[in-house]
C-alpha atoms as a PDB file:
ATOM      1  CA  MET A   1    -111.550 -68.308 107.680  1.00  0.00           C
ATOM      2  CA  MET A   2    -115.299 -68.581 108.281  1.00  0.00           C
ATOM      3  CA  ASN A   3    -116.949 -67.201 111.399  1.00  0.00           C
ATOM      4  CA  ASP A   4    -120.555 -67.954 112.501  1.00  0.00           C
ATOM      5  CA  LEU A   5    -120.937 -65.270 115.183  1.00  0.00           C
ATOM      6  CA  ARG A   6    -123.307 -63.072 113.166  1.00  0.00           C
ATOM      7  CA  ALA A   7    -126.364 -63.460 110.905  1.00  0.00           C
ATOM      8  CA  GLY A   8    -124.475 -65.749 108.527  1.00  0.00           C
ATOM      9  CA  PRO A   9    -121.049 -67.246 107.901  1.00  0.00           C
ATOM     10  CA  ARG A  10    -118.385 -64.610 107.279  1.00  0.00           C
ATOM     11  CA  LEU A  11    -115.213 -64.897 105.271  1.00  0.00           C
ATOM     12  CA  SER A  12    -112.201 -63.034 106.644  1.00  0.00           C
ATOM     13  CA  THR A  13    -110.449 -61.149 103.868  1.00  0.00           C
ATOM     14  CA  SER A  14    -108.546 -57.980 103.042  1.00  0.00           C
ATOM     15  CA  LEU A  15    -109.921 -56.216  99.967  1.00  0.00           C
ATOM     16  CA  PRO A  16    -109.713 -52.575  98.940  1.00  0.00           C
ATOM     17  CA  VAL A  17    -113.165 -50.992  98.728  1.00  0.00           C
ATOM     18  CA  ILE A  18    -114.500 -47.770  97.220  1.00  0.00           C
ATOM     19  CA  LEU A  19    -117.171 -46.073  99.309  1.00  0.00           C
ATOM     20  CA  GLN A  20    -119.787 -43.698  97.941  1.00  0.00           C
ATOM     21  CA  PHE A  21    -121.903 -41.603 100.300  1.00  0.00           C
ATOM     22  CA  PRO A  22    -125.101 -40.519  98.495  1.00  0.00           C
ATOM     23  CA  ASP A  23    -126.259 -38.289 101.357  1.00  0.00           C
ATOM     24  CA  GLY A  24    -123.048 -36.794 102.618  1.00  0.00           C
ATOM     25  CA  VAL A  25    -119.876 -34.870 102.285  1.00  0.00           C
ATOM     26  CA  PRO A  26    -117.466 -36.196 101.236  1.00  0.00           C
ATOM     27  CA  THR A  27    -119.243 -38.088  98.487  1.00  0.00           C
ATOM     28  CA  GLU A  28    -116.511 -40.743  98.067  1.00  0.00           C
ATOM     29  CA  GLY A  29    -113.897 -42.474 100.146  1.00  0.00           C
ATOM     30  CA  TRP A  30    -112.019 -45.736 100.383  1.00  0.00           C
ATOM     31  CA  GLY A  31    -111.342 -48.450 102.902  1.00  0.00           C
ATOM     32  CA  ARG A  32    -110.599 -52.129 103.324  1.00  0.00           C
ATOM     33  CA  ILE A  33    -113.070 -54.990 103.704  1.00  0.00           C
ATOM     34  CA  LEU A  34    -112.149 -57.123 106.716  1.00  0.00           C
ATOM     35  CA  ASP A  35    -114.862 -59.751 106.316  1.00  0.00           C
ATOM     36  CA  LEU A  36    -117.678 -60.490 103.919  1.00  0.00           C
ATOM     37  CA  SER A  37    -120.914 -62.479 104.008  1.00  0.00           C
ATOM     38  CA  LEU A  38    -124.146 -62.702 102.040  1.00  0.00           C
ATOM     39  CA  SER A  39    -125.728 -60.282 104.514  1.00  0.00           C
ATOM     40  CA  GLY A  40    -123.011 -57.603 104.735  1.00  0.00           C
ATOM     41  CA  VAL A  41    -119.413 -56.564 105.314  1.00  0.00           C
ATOM     42  CA  LYS A  42    -117.126 -55.422 108.073  1.00  0.00           C
ATOM     43  CA  LEU A  43    -114.753 -52.746 106.868  1.00  0.00           C
ATOM     44  CA  GLU A  44    -112.312 -50.149 108.074  1.00  0.00           C
ATOM     45  CA  SER A  45    -111.960 -46.642 106.703  1.00  0.00           C
ATOM     46  CA  ARG A  46    -110.557 -43.268 107.640  1.00  0.00           C
ATOM     47  CA  TRP A  47    -113.741 -41.661 106.309  1.00  0.00           C
ATOM     48  CA  PRO A  48    -116.338 -40.970 109.013  1.00  0.00           C
ATOM     49  CA  LEU A  49    -119.217 -43.455 109.046  1.00  0.00           C
ATOM     50  CA  LYS A  50    -122.432 -43.084 111.054  1.00  0.00           C
ATOM     51  CA  VAL A  51    -124.998 -45.677 112.119  1.00  0.00           C
ATOM     52  CA  GLY A  52    -127.963 -45.557 109.747  1.00  0.00           C
ATOM     53  CA  GLN A  53    -125.955 -44.012 106.904  1.00  0.00           C
ATOM     54  CA  ALA A  54    -126.474 -45.382 103.376  1.00  0.00           C
ATOM     55  CA  VAL A  55    -123.238 -46.356 101.606  1.00  0.00           C
ATOM     56  CA  TYR A  56    -122.588 -47.814  98.159  1.00  0.00           C
ATOM     57  CA  ILE A  57    -119.564 -50.105  98.019  1.00  0.00           C
ATOM     58  CA  THR A  58    -117.503 -51.306  95.062  1.00  0.00           C
ATOM     59  CA  PHE A  59    -114.798 -53.976  95.240  1.00  0.00           C
ATOM     60  CA  GLU A  60    -113.047 -56.675  93.214  1.00  0.00           C
ATOM     61  CA  PRO A  61    -112.967 -60.095  94.899  1.00  0.00           C
ATOM     62  CA  GLN A  62    -110.773 -61.352  92.050  1.00  0.00           C
ATOM     63  CA  HIS A  63    -109.320 -60.164  88.750  1.00  0.00           C
ATOM     64  CA  GLU A  64    -112.090 -59.472  86.212  1.00  0.00           C
ATOM     65  CA  MET A  65    -114.855 -59.776  88.844  1.00  0.00           C
ATOM     66  CA  ARG A  66    -116.092 -56.424  90.084  1.00  0.00           C
ATOM     67  CA  LEU A  67    -119.065 -55.855  92.375  1.00  0.00           C
ATOM     68  CA  GLU A  68    -120.227 -52.286  91.899  1.00  0.00           C
ATOM     69  CA  ASN A  69    -122.457 -49.966  93.876  1.00  0.00           C
ATOM     70  CA  LEU A  70    -123.787 -52.520  96.352  1.00  0.00           C
ATOM     71  CA  ARG A  71    -126.178 -50.577  98.573  1.00  0.00           C
ATOM     72  CA  ALA A  72    -125.624 -51.110 102.282  1.00  0.00           C
ATOM     73  CA  ARG A  73    -126.507 -49.419 105.558  1.00  0.00           C
ATOM     74  CA  VAL A  74    -124.124 -48.856 108.468  1.00  0.00           C
ATOM     75  CA  VAL A  75    -125.381 -50.843 111.473  1.00  0.00           C
ATOM     76  CA  ARG A  76    -122.449 -50.389 113.867  1.00  0.00           C
ATOM     77  CA  VAL A  77    -119.309 -48.279 114.080  1.00  0.00           C
ATOM     78  CA  GLN A  78    -116.388 -48.008 116.450  1.00  0.00           C
ATOM     79  CA  TRP A  79    -113.119 -46.090 116.381  1.00  0.00           C
ATOM     80  CA  GLU A  80    -110.029 -48.322 116.459  1.00  0.00           C
ATOM     81  CA  GLU A  81    -106.457 -47.091 116.156  1.00  0.00           C
ATOM     82  CA  GLY A  82    -107.121 -44.332 113.632  1.00  0.00           C
ATOM     83  CA  TYR A  83    -109.863 -46.081 111.640  1.00  0.00           C
ATOM     84  CA  TYR A  84    -113.626 -46.308 111.691  1.00  0.00           C
ATOM     85  CA  VAL A  85    -114.453 -50.017 111.872  1.00  0.00           C
ATOM     86  CA  ALA A  86    -118.006 -50.546 110.691  1.00  0.00           C
ATOM     87  CA  GLY A  87    -120.510 -53.298 110.102  1.00  0.00           C
ATOM     88  CA  LEU A  88    -122.685 -52.736 107.027  1.00  0.00           C
ATOM     89  CA  SER A  89    -125.802 -54.676 106.123  1.00  0.00           C
ATOM     90  CA  PHE A  90    -126.586 -55.142 102.433  1.00  0.00           C
ATOM     91  CA  ASP A  91    -129.845 -53.781 101.030  1.00  0.00           C
ATOM     92  CA  GLU A  92    -132.377 -56.279  99.659  1.00  0.00           C
ATOM     93  CA  SER A  93    -131.560 -55.082  96.126  1.00  0.00           C
ATOM     94  CA  VAL A  94    -128.069 -56.660  96.238  1.00  0.00           C
ATOM     95  CA  ASP A  95    -127.821 -59.644  93.855  1.00  0.00           C
ATOM     96  CA  GLN A  96    -127.329 -62.602  96.213  1.00  0.00           C
ATOM     97  CA  ALA A  97    -126.323 -65.015  93.435  1.00  0.00           C
ATOM     98  CA  TYR A  98    -123.475 -62.767  92.281  1.00  0.00           C
ATOM     99  CA  LEU A  99    -122.409 -62.142  95.864  1.00  0.00           C
ATOM    100  CA  ARG A 100    -122.388 -65.904  96.529  1.00  0.00           C
ATOM    101  CA  GLU A 101    -120.174 -66.336  93.447  1.00  0.00           C
ATOM    102  CA  ALA A 102    -117.777 -63.725  94.849  1.00  0.00           C
ATOM    103  CA  LEU A 103    -117.604 -65.538  98.206  1.00  0.00           C
ATOM    104  CA  ILE A 104    -116.909 -68.872  96.515  1.00  0.00           C
ATOM    105  CA  SER A 105    -114.191 -67.201  94.454  1.00  0.00           C
ATOM    106  CA  LEU A 106    -112.530 -65.788  97.574  1.00  0.00           C
ATOM    107  CA  MET A 107    -112.719 -69.129  99.404  1.00  0.00           C
ATOM    108  CA  SER A 108    -110.914 -70.868  96.521  1.00  0.00           C
ATOM    109  CA  ARG A 109    -107.872 -68.560  96.772  1.00  0.00           C
END
């Protein structure tokens, strides 16, 4: 389902995600992507996230398609029923063409 409430259309999904924290302890964690767009993701995790924190995310939108170490920054966080629910904005270095391909792949499921 697409949603136009934010900077761009978002695709609701449920994908496992690996989180890497270059400036923190712990250095790795995991979570679940709740929605995805060309500009960022909304995810939930039990690992503490802080606004402004840099995070690298890795996920597989489909078999044999893996997006690795996408640099993002936490722009909002709230605590909901035992999870940190966070909005992350992708860094300019993220390959938009590959990300667009991933979104198209998820929409065709």
